[in-house]
Amino acid sequence: MDDKLLHSLYKKAVGYTVTEKTLEYSPEGDVVKKKVTSKHYPPDIAALKAYLELAEGASLECMSDEELAREKTRLLKVLEEMENGIDETQRESPM
């Protein structure tokens, strides 16, 4: 699988923000107005499912309801940690 494709799918799965720039020109070709806006795209559950199936090879269709609930809880915790700037390598590993 192409890494660029997986990265794009991951971004859509966890949500992302883009900055859009709009320029307005005068008839002479000079910039008269510059507008910069940020647009947030929220996480997409279908993209998350596709990413998990492609990247980790996990078939979510074979999971029981309990396994899906545990995986959902785990992924929500990871997303919350990512939003708070905590890297997975900084988490304490269970012993």
PDB file of N, CA and C in Angstrom:
ATOM      1  N   MET A   1       0.853  -1.183   0.000  1.00  0.00           N
ATOM      2  CA  MET A   1       0.000   0.000   0.000  1.00  0.00           C
ATOM      3  C   MET A   1       0.890   1.234   0.000  1.00  0.00           C
ATOM      4  N   ASP A   2       0.516   2.193  -0.776  1.00  0.00           N
ATOM      5  CA  ASP A   2       1.263   3.437  -0.901  1.00  0.00           C
ATOM      6  C   ASP A   2       1.211   4.223   0.413  1.00  0.00           C
ATOM      7  N   ASP A   3       2.382   4.648   0.925  1.00  0.00           N
ATOM      8  CA  ASP A   3       2.457   5.385   2.188  1.00  0.00           C
ATOM      9  C   ASP A   3       1.721   6.716   2.113  1.00  0.00           C
ATOM     10  N   LYS A   4       1.784   7.372   0.956  1.00  0.00           N
ATOM     11  CA  LYS A   4       1.105   8.659   0.800  1.00  0.00           C
ATOM     12  C   LYS A   4      -0.409   8.483   0.933  1.00  0.00           C
ATOM     13  N   LEU A   5      -0.933   7.415   0.361  1.00  0.00           N
ATOM     14  CA  LEU A   5      -2.360   7.121   0.451  1.00  0.00           C
ATOM     15  C   LEU A   5      -2.761   6.820   1.892  1.00  0.00           C
ATOM     16  N   LEU A   6      -1.980   6.006   2.580  1.00  0.00           N
ATOM     17  CA  LEU A   6      -2.270   5.693   3.976  1.00  0.00           C
ATOM     18  C   LEU A   6      -2.206   6.938   4.854  1.00  0.00           C
ATOM     19  N   HIS A   7      -1.247   7.812   4.578  1.00  0.00           N
ATOM     20  CA  HIS A   7      -1.129   9.043   5.362  1.00  0.00           C
ATOM     21  C   HIS A   7      -2.364   9.928   5.150  1.00  0.00           C
ATOM     22  N   SER A   8      -2.821  10.040   3.908  1.00  0.00           N
ATOM     23  CA  SER A   8      -4.015  10.834   3.617  1.00  0.00           C
ATOM     24  C   SER A   8      -5.248  10.243   4.294  1.00  0.00           C
ATOM     25  N   LEU A   9      -5.367   8.928   4.265  1.00  0.00           N
ATOM     26  CA  LEU A   9      -6.487   8.259   4.915  1.00  0.00           C
ATOM     27  C   LEU A   9      -6.435   8.465   6.426  1.00  0.00           C
ATOM     28  N   TYR A  10      -5.235   8.426   6.998  1.00  0.00           N
ATOM     29  CA  TYR A  10      -5.047   8.656   8.430  1.00  0.00           C
ATOM     30  C   TYR A  10      -5.487  10.072   8.805  1.00  0.00           C
ATOM     31  N   LYS A  11      -5.060  11.057   8.002  1.00  0.00           N
ATOM     32  CA  LYS A  11      -5.450  12.447   8.274  1.00  0.00           C
ATOM     33  C   LYS A  11      -6.970  12.594   8.288  1.00  0.00           C
ATOM     34  N   LYS A  12      -7.626  11.977   7.325  1.00  0.00           N
ATOM     35  CA  LYS A  12      -9.089  12.063   7.275  1.00  0.00           C
ATOM     36  C   LYS A  12      -9.711  11.332   8.461  1.00  0.00           C
ATOM     37  N   ALA A  13      -9.097  10.246   8.898  1.00  0.00           N
ATOM     38  CA  ALA A  13      -9.634   9.467  10.016  1.00  0.00           C
ATOM     39  C   ALA A  13      -9.553  10.225  11.340  1.00  0.00           C
ATOM     40  N   VAL A  14      -8.486  10.981  11.559  1.00  0.00           N
ATOM     41  CA  VAL A  14      -8.317  11.681  12.841  1.00  0.00           C
ATOM     42  C   VAL A  14      -8.745  13.136  12.780  1.00  0.00           C
ATOM     43  N   GLY A  15      -9.038  13.651  11.587  1.00  0.00           N
ATOM     44  CA  GLY A  15      -9.427  15.047  11.435  1.00  0.00           C
ATOM     45  C   GLY A  15      -8.205  15.921  11.238  1.00  0.00           C
ATOM     46  N   TYR A  16      -8.410  17.059  10.592  1.00  0.00           N
ATOM     47  CA  TYR A  16      -7.293  17.959  10.313  1.00  0.00           C
ATOM     48  C   TYR A  16      -7.810  19.367  10.053  1.00  0.00           C
ATOM     49  N   THR A  17      -6.906  20.328  10.084  1.00  0.00           N
ATOM     50  CA  THR A  17      -7.227  21.724   9.822  1.00  0.00           C
ATOM     51  C   THR A  17      -6.356  22.213   8.677  1.00  0.00           C
ATOM     52  N   VAL A  18      -6.972  22.950   7.747  1.00  0.00           N
ATOM     53  CA  VAL A  18      -6.223  23.531   6.633  1.00  0.00           C
ATOM     54  C   VAL A  18      -6.372  25.046   6.655  1.00  0.00           C
ATOM     55  N   THR A  19      -5.388  25.724   6.118  1.00  0.00           N
ATOM     56  CA  THR A  19      -5.423  27.174   5.989  1.00  0.00           C
ATOM     57  C   THR A  19      -5.672  27.508   4.528  1.00  0.00           C
ATOM     58  N   GLU A  20      -6.712  28.304   4.294  1.00  0.00           N
ATOM     59  CA  GLU A  20      -7.056  28.700   2.934  1.00  0.00           C
ATOM     60  C   GLU A  20      -6.732  30.178   2.753  1.00  0.00           C
ATOM     61  N   LYS A  21      -6.090  30.515   1.627  1.00  0.00           N
ATOM     62  CA  LYS A  21      -5.738  31.902   1.325  1.00  0.00           C
ATOM     63  C   LYS A  21      -6.497  32.338   0.074  1.00  0.00           C
ATOM     64  N   THR A  22      -7.127  33.488   0.159  1.00  0.00           N
ATOM     65  CA  THR A  22      -7.856  34.059  -0.970  1.00  0.00           C
ATOM     66  C   THR A  22      -7.308  35.454  -1.242  1.00  0.00           C
ATOM     67  N   LEU A  23      -6.986  35.727  -2.499  1.00  0.00           N
ATOM     68  CA  LEU A  23      -6.472  37.034  -2.890  1.00  0.00           C
ATOM     69  C   LEU A  23      -7.450  37.688  -3.858  1.00  0.00           C
ATOM     70  N   GLU A  24      -7.696  38.988  -3.666  1.00  0.00           N
ATOM     71  CA  GLU A  24      -8.508  39.755  -4.610  1.00  0.00           C
ATOM     72  C   GLU A  24      -7.596  40.773  -5.282  1.00  0.00           C
ATOM     73  N   TYR A  25      -7.754  40.906  -6.594  1.00  0.00           N
ATOM     74  CA  TYR A  25      -6.884  41.771  -7.380  1.00  0.00           C
ATOM     75  C   TYR A  25      -7.667  42.957  -7.943  1.00  0.00           C
ATOM     76  N   SER A  26      -6.961  44.058  -8.101  1.00  0.00           N
ATOM     77  CA  SER A  26      -7.528  45.224  -8.769  1.00  0.00           C
ATOM     78  C   SER A  26      -7.449  44.990 -10.278  1.00  0.00           C
ATOM     79  N   PRO A  27      -8.129  45.797 -11.071  1.00  0.00           N
ATOM     80  CA  PRO A  27      -8.037  45.646 -12.529  1.00  0.00           C
ATOM     81  C   PRO A  27      -6.603  45.789 -13.053  1.00  0.00           C
ATOM     82  N   GLU A  28      -5.762  46.490 -12.292  1.00  0.00           N
ATOM     83  CA  GLU A  28      -4.362  46.655 -12.703  1.00  0.00           C
ATOM     84  C   GLU A  28      -3.501  45.449 -12.339  1.00  0.00           C
ATOM     85  N   GLY A  29      -4.071  44.514 -11.581  1.00  0.00           N
ATOM     86  CA  GLY A  29      -3.325  43.315 -11.210  1.00  0.00           C
ATOM     87  C   GLY A  29      -2.677  43.376  -9.844  1.00  0.00           C
ATOM     88  N   ASP A  30      -2.934  44.431  -9.092  1.00  0.00           N
ATOM     89  CA  ASP A  30      -2.373  44.550  -7.744  1.00  0.00           C
ATOM     90  C   ASP A  30      -3.283  43.831  -6.737  1.00  0.00           C
ATOM     91  N   VAL A  31      -2.672  43.255  -5.717  1.00  0.00           N
ATOM     92  CA  VAL A  31      -3.443  42.610  -4.652  1.00  0.00           C
ATOM     93  C   VAL A  31      -4.083  43.704  -3.805  1.00  0.00           C
ATOM     94  N   VAL A  32      -5.412  43.659  -3.686  1.00  0.00           N
ATOM     95  CA  VAL A  32      -6.117  44.671  -2.893  1.00  0.00           C
ATOM     96  C   VAL A  32      -6.663  44.091  -1.591  1.00  0.00           C
ATOM     97  N   LYS A  33      -6.852  42.777  -1.555  1.00  0.00           N
ATOM     98  CA  LYS A  33      -7.371  42.154  -0.341  1.00  0.00           C
ATOM     99  C   LYS A  33      -6.810  40.743  -0.230  1.00  0.00           C
ATOM    100  N   LYS A  34      -6.380  40.415   0.978  1.00  0.00           N
ATOM    101  CA  LYS A  34      -5.868  39.080   1.255  1.00  0.00           C
ATOM    102  C   LYS A  34      -6.635  38.532   2.444  1.00  0.00           C
ATOM    103  N   LYS A  35      -7.231  37.360   2.270  1.00  0.00           N
ATOM    104  CA  LYS A  35      -8.026  36.754   3.335  1.00  0.00           C
ATOM    105  C   LYS A  35      -7.456  35.369   3.638  1.00  0.00           C
ATOM    106  N   VAL A  36      -7.168  35.124   4.918  1.00  0.00           N
ATOM    107  CA  VAL A  36      -6.644  33.834   5.354  1.00  0.00           C
ATOM    108  C   VAL A  36      -7.625  33.252   6.365  1.00  0.00           C
ATOM    109  N   THR A  37      -8.112  32.054   6.086  1.00  0.00           N
ATOM    110  CA  THR A  37      -9.051  31.393   6.990  1.00  0.00           C
ATOM    111  C   THR A  37      -8.573  29.979   7.278  1.00  0.00           C
ATOM    112  N   SER A  38      -8.984  29.467   8.422  1.00  0.00           N
ATOM    113  CA  SER A  38      -8.703  28.079   8.780  1.00  0.00           C
ATOM    114  C   SER A  38     -10.002  27.298   8.745  1.00  0.00           C
ATOM    115  N   LYS A  39      -9.937  26.108   8.189  1.00  0.00           N
ATOM    116  CA  LYS A  39     -11.115  25.250   8.108  1.00  0.00           C
ATOM    117  C   LYS A  39     -10.761  23.908   8.735  1.00  0.00           C
ATOM    118  N   HIS A  40     -11.610  23.470   9.666  1.00  0.00           N
ATOM    119  CA  HIS A  40     -11.372  22.196  10.354  1.00  0.00           C
ATOM    120  C   HIS A  40     -12.260  21.110   9.758  1.00  0.00           C
ATOM    121  N   TYR A  41     -11.658  19.993   9.429  1.00  0.00           N
ATOM    122  CA  TYR A  41     -12.383  18.823   8.966  1.00  0.00           C
ATOM    123  C   TYR A  41     -12.383  17.815  10.107  1.00  0.00           C
ATOM    124  N   PRO A  42     -13.560  17.446  10.637  1.00  0.00           N
ATOM    125  CA  PRO A  42     -13.619  16.547  11.795  1.00  0.00           C
ATOM    126  C   PRO A  42     -13.240  15.114  11.420  1.00  0.00           C
ATOM    127  N   PRO A  43     -12.964  14.280  12.438  1.00  0.00           N
ATOM    128  CA  PRO A  43     -12.632  12.873  12.166  1.00  0.00           C
ATOM    129  C   PRO A  43     -13.753  12.167  11.419  1.00  0.00           C
ATOM    130  N   ASP A  44     -13.371  11.231  10.574  1.00  0.00           N
ATOM    131  CA  ASP A  44     -14.310  10.468   9.763  1.00  0.00           C
ATOM    132  C   ASP A  44     -14.217   8.994  10.160  1.00  0.00           C
ATOM    133  N   ILE A  45     -15.309   8.449  10.684  1.00  0.00           N
ATOM    134  CA  ILE A  45     -15.318   7.071  11.189  1.00  0.00           C
ATOM    135  C   ILE A  45     -15.082   6.060  10.069  1.00  0.00           C
ATOM    136  N   ALA A  46     -15.661   6.284   8.893  1.00  0.00           N
ATOM    137  CA  ALA A  46     -15.467   5.348   7.779  1.00  0.00           C
ATOM    138  C   ALA A  46     -14.000   5.316   7.362  1.00  0.00           C
ATOM    139  N   ALA A  47     -13.343   6.477   7.369  1.00  0.00           N
ATOM    140  CA  ALA A  47     -11.915   6.524   7.039  1.00  0.00           C
ATOM    141  C   ALA A  47     -11.094   5.808   8.102  1.00  0.00           C
ATOM    142  N   LEU A  48     -11.500   5.949   9.362  1.00  0.00           N
ATOM    143  CA  LEU A  48     -10.791   5.261  10.453  1.00  0.00           C
ATOM    144  C   LEU A  48     -10.886   3.747  10.276  1.00  0.00           C
ATOM    145  N   LYS A  49     -12.067   3.256   9.962  1.00  0.00           N
ATOM    146  CA  LYS A  49     -12.251   1.820   9.756  1.00  0.00           C
ATOM    147  C   LYS A  49     -11.400   1.330   8.577  1.00  0.00           C
ATOM    148  N   ALA A  50     -11.422   2.070   7.478  1.00  0.00           N
ATOM    149  CA  ALA A  50     -10.629   1.685   6.311  1.00  0.00           C
ATOM    150  C   ALA A  50      -9.140   1.701   6.635  1.00  0.00           C
ATOM    151  N   TYR A  51      -8.707   2.735   7.369  1.00  0.00           N
ATOM    152  CA  TYR A  51      -7.289   2.833   7.738  1.00  0.00           C
ATOM    153  C   TYR A  51      -6.876   1.639   8.591  1.00  0.00           C
ATOM    154  N   LEU A  52      -7.693   1.298   9.572  1.00  0.00           N
ATOM    155  CA  LEU A  52      -7.353   0.165  10.442  1.00  0.00           C
ATOM    156  C   LEU A  52      -7.270  -1.133   9.659  1.00  0.00           C
ATOM    157  N   GLU A  53      -8.197  -1.319   8.739  1.00  0.00           N
ATOM    158  CA  GLU A  53      -8.183  -2.546   7.938  1.00  0.00           C
ATOM    159  C   GLU A  53      -6.963  -2.611   7.031  1.00  0.00           C
ATOM    160  N   LEU A  54      -6.571  -1.482   6.443  1.00  0.00           N
ATOM    161  CA  LEU A  54      -5.443  -1.476   5.515  1.00  0.00           C
ATOM    162  C   LEU A  54      -4.096  -1.446   6.233  1.00  0.00           C
ATOM    163  N   ALA A  55      -3.979  -0.595   7.238  1.00  0.00           N
ATOM    164  CA  ALA A  55      -2.682  -0.388   7.885  1.00  0.00           C
ATOM    165  C   ALA A  55      -2.330  -1.505   8.858  1.00  0.00           C
ATOM    166  N   GLU A  56      -3.296  -1.976   9.591  1.00  0.00           N
ATOM    167  CA  GLU A  56      -3.005  -2.964  10.621  1.00  0.00           C
ATOM    168  C   GLU A  56      -3.457  -4.363  10.238  1.00  0.00           C
ATOM    169  N   GLY A  57      -4.173  -4.469   9.126  1.00  0.00           N
ATOM    170  CA  GLY A  57      -4.643  -5.770   8.679  1.00  0.00           C
ATOM    171  C   GLY A  57      -5.729  -6.345   9.577  1.00  0.00           C
ATOM    172  N   ALA A  58      -6.325  -5.525  10.433  1.00  0.00           N
ATOM    173  CA  ALA A  58      -7.362  -5.999  11.342  1.00  0.00           C
ATOM    174  C   ALA A  58      -8.698  -6.020  10.629  1.00  0.00           C
ATOM    175  N   SER A  59      -9.385  -7.113  10.746  1.00  0.00           N
ATOM    176  CA  SER A  59     -10.715  -7.196  10.164  1.00  0.00           C
ATOM    177  C   SER A  59     -11.733  -6.928  11.268  1.00  0.00           C
ATOM    178  N   LEU A  60     -12.307  -5.745  11.246  1.00  0.00           N
ATOM    179  CA  LEU A  60     -13.246  -5.355  12.295  1.00  0.00           C
ATOM    180  C   LEU A  60     -14.548  -6.142  12.211  1.00  0.00           C
ATOM    181  N   GLU A  61     -14.841  -6.709  11.055  1.00  0.00           N
ATOM    182  CA  GLU A  61     -16.074  -7.475  10.904  1.00  0.00           C
ATOM    183  C   GLU A  61     -16.054  -8.740  11.745  1.00  0.00           C
ATOM    184  N   CYS A  62     -14.858  -9.257  12.040  1.00  0.00           N
ATOM    185  CA  CYS A  62     -14.738 -10.493  12.803  1.00  0.00           C
ATOM    186  C   CYS A  62     -14.728 -10.250  14.311  1.00  0.00           C
ATOM    187  N   MET A  63     -14.680  -8.990  14.727  1.00  0.00           N
ATOM    188  CA  MET A  63     -14.618  -8.684  16.159  1.00  0.00           C
ATOM    189  C   MET A  63     -16.001  -8.796  16.795  1.00  0.00           C
ATOM    190  N   SER A  64     -16.008  -9.237  18.047  1.00  0.00           N
ATOM    191  CA  SER A  64     -17.263  -9.281  18.803  1.00  0.00           C
ATOM    192  C   SER A  64     -17.622  -7.866  19.239  1.00  0.00           C
ATOM    193  N   ASP A  65     -18.831  -7.694  19.747  1.00  0.00           N
ATOM    194  CA  ASP A  65     -19.255  -6.383  20.225  1.00  0.00           C
ATOM    195  C   ASP A  65     -18.364  -5.890  21.352  1.00  0.00           C
ATOM    196  N   GLU A  66     -17.948  -6.802  22.229  1.00  0.00           N
ATOM    197  CA  GLU A  66     -17.076  -6.428  23.340  1.00  0.00           C
ATOM    198  C   GLU A  66     -15.703  -5.985  22.836  1.00  0.00           C
ATOM    199  N   GLU A  67     -15.165  -6.697  21.847  1.00  0.00           N
ATOM    200  CA  GLU A  67     -13.867  -6.326  21.276  1.00  0.00           C
ATOM    201  C   GLU A  67     -13.951  -4.973  20.574  1.00  0.00           C
ATOM    202  N   LEU A  68     -15.050  -4.737  19.865  1.00  0.00           N
ATOM    203  CA  LEU A  68     -15.228  -3.444  19.202  1.00  0.00           C
ATOM    204  C   LEU A  68     -15.335  -2.311  20.217  1.00  0.00           C
ATOM    205  N   ALA A  69     -16.028  -2.546  21.316  1.00  0.00           N
ATOM    206  CA  ALA A  69     -16.155  -1.528  22.360  1.00  0.00           C
ATOM    207  C   ALA A  69     -14.794  -1.222  22.979  1.00  0.00           C
ATOM    208  N   ARG A  70     -13.978  -2.256  23.239  1.00  0.00           N
ATOM    209  CA  ARG A  70     -12.629  -2.040  23.790  1.00  0.00           C
ATOM    210  C   ARG A  70     -11.754  -1.284  22.797  1.00  0.00           C
ATOM    211  N   GLU A  71     -11.840  -1.643  21.514  1.00  0.00           N
ATOM    212  CA  GLU A  71     -11.044  -0.962  20.485  1.00  0.00           C
ATOM    213  C   GLU A  71     -11.478   0.496  20.345  1.00  0.00           C
ATOM    214  N   LYS A  72     -12.775   0.755  20.422  1.00  0.00           N
ATOM    215  CA  LYS A  72     -13.284   2.123  20.356  1.00  0.00           C
ATOM    216  C   LYS A  72     -12.739   2.941  21.518  1.00  0.00           C
ATOM    217  N   THR A  73     -12.785   2.383  22.719  1.00  0.00           N
ATOM    218  CA  THR A  73     -12.271   3.080  23.902  1.00  0.00           C
ATOM    219  C   THR A  73     -10.780   3.362  23.752  1.00  0.00           C
ATOM    220  N   ARG A  74     -10.030   2.369  23.261  1.00  0.00           N
ATOM    221  CA  ARG A  74      -8.586   2.538  23.074  1.00  0.00           C
ATOM    222  C   ARG A  74      -8.290   3.643  22.060  1.00  0.00           C
ATOM    223  N   LEU A  75      -9.013   3.633  20.940  1.00  0.00           N
ATOM    224  CA  LEU A  75      -8.776   4.630  19.895  1.00  0.00           C
ATOM    225  C   LEU A  75      -9.175   6.030  20.343  1.00  0.00           C
ATOM    226  N   LEU A  76     -10.265   6.142  21.092  1.00  0.00           N
ATOM    227  CA  LEU A  76     -10.658   7.450  21.612  1.00  0.00           C
ATOM    228  C   LEU A  76      -9.605   7.994  22.564  1.00  0.00           C
ATOM    229  N   LYS A  77      -9.003   7.115  23.361  1.00  0.00           N
ATOM    230  CA  LYS A  77      -7.935   7.542  24.282  1.00  0.00           C
ATOM    231  C   LYS A  77      -6.720   8.015  23.490  1.00  0.00           C
ATOM    232  N   VAL A  78      -6.364   7.287  22.440  1.00  0.00           N
ATOM    233  CA  VAL A  78      -5.228   7.674  21.604  1.00  0.00           C
ATOM    234  C   VAL A  78      -5.487   9.026  20.948  1.00  0.00           C
ATOM    235  N   LEU A  79      -6.706   9.213  20.421  1.00  0.00           N
ATOM    236  CA  LEU A  79      -7.047  10.495  19.791  1.00  0.00           C
ATOM    237  C   LEU A  79      -6.993  11.637  20.795  1.00  0.00           C
ATOM    238  N   GLU A  80      -7.493  11.400  22.005  1.00  0.00           N
ATOM    239  CA  GLU A  80      -7.448  12.434  23.049  1.00  0.00           C
ATOM    240  C   GLU A  80      -6.012  12.782  23.402  1.00  0.00           C
ATOM    241  N   GLU A  81      -5.158  11.769  23.501  1.00  0.00           N
ATOM    242  CA  GLU A  81      -3.750  12.005  23.809  1.00  0.00           C
ATOM    243  C   GLU A  81      -3.071  12.769  22.684  1.00  0.00           C
ATOM    244  N   MET A  82      -3.444  12.460  21.436  1.00  0.00           N
ATOM    245  CA  MET A  82      -2.861  13.177  20.301  1.00  0.00           C
ATOM    246  C   MET A  82      -3.274  14.641  20.337  1.00  0.00           C
ATOM    247  N   GLU A  83      -4.529  14.897  20.677  1.00  0.00           N
ATOM    248  CA  GLU A  83      -5.001  16.278  20.765  1.00  0.00           C
ATOM    249  C   GLU A  83      -4.296  17.040  21.874  1.00  0.00           C
ATOM    250  N   ASN A  84      -3.931  16.331  22.940  1.00  0.00           N
ATOM    251  CA  ASN A  84      -3.247  16.960  24.071  1.00  0.00           C
ATOM    252  C   ASN A  84      -1.732  16.975  23.893  1.00  0.00           C
ATOM    253  N   GLY A  85      -1.244  16.461  22.766  1.00  0.00           N
ATOM    254  CA  GLY A  85       0.183  16.502  22.468  1.00  0.00           C
ATOM    255  C   GLY A  85       0.997  15.427  23.141  1.00  0.00           C
ATOM    256  N   ILE A  86       0.377  14.325  23.540  1.00  0.00           N
ATOM    257  CA  ILE A  86       1.104  13.229  24.166  1.00  0.00           C
ATOM    258  C   ILE A  86       1.421  12.194  23.108  1.00  0.00           C
ATOM    259  N   ASP A  87       2.702  11.912  22.937  1.00  0.00           N
ATOM    260  CA  ASP A  87       3.162  10.926  21.969  1.00  0.00           C
ATOM    261  C   ASP A  87       3.005   9.534  22.578  1.00  0.00           C
ATOM    262  N   GLU A  88       2.707   8.523  21.734  1.00  0.00           N
ATOM    263  CA  GLU A  88       2.572   7.155  22.230  1.00  0.00           C
ATOM    264  C   GLU A  88       3.838   6.674  22.922  1.00  0.00           C
ATOM    265  N   THR A  89       4.997   7.162  22.487  1.00  0.00           N
ATOM    266  CA  THR A  89       6.250   6.728  23.091  1.00  0.00           C
ATOM    267  C   THR A  89       6.429   7.303  24.489  1.00  0.00           C
ATOM    268  N   GLN A  90       5.651   8.339  24.836  1.00  0.00           N
ATOM    269  CA  GLN A  90       5.751   8.946  26.151  1.00  0.00           C
ATOM    270  C   GLN A  90       4.848   8.260  27.174  1.00  0.00           C
ATOM    271  N   ARG A  91       3.935   7.430  26.701  1.00  0.00           N
ATOM    272  CA  ARG A  91       3.035   6.728  27.623  1.00  0.00           C
ATOM    273  C   ARG A  91       3.786   5.670  28.386  1.00  0.00           C
ATOM    274  N   GLU A  92       3.339   5.429  29.596  1.00  0.00           N
ATOM    275  CA  GLU A  92       3.943   4.385  30.407  1.00  0.00           C
ATOM    276  C   GLU A  92       3.485   3.035  29.874  1.00  0.00           C
ATOM    277  N   SER A  93       4.421   2.119  29.747  1.00  0.00           N
ATOM    278  CA  SER A  93       4.059   0.800  29.271  1.00  0.00           C
ATOM    279  C   SER A  93       3.672  -0.064  30.460  1.00  0.00           C
ATOM    280  N   PRO A  94       2.613  -0.900  30.308  1.00  0.00           N
ATOM    281  CA  PRO A  94       2.193  -1.752  31.417  1.00  0.00           C
ATOM    282  C   PRO A  94       3.209  -2.844  31.668  1.00  0.00           C
ATOM    283  N   MET A  95       3.454  -3.142  32.915  1.00  0.00           N
ATOM    284  CA  MET A  95       4.422  -4.186  33.274  1.00  0.00           C
ATOM    285  C   MET A  95       3.743  -5.346  33.900  1.00  0.00           C
TER     286      MET A  95
END
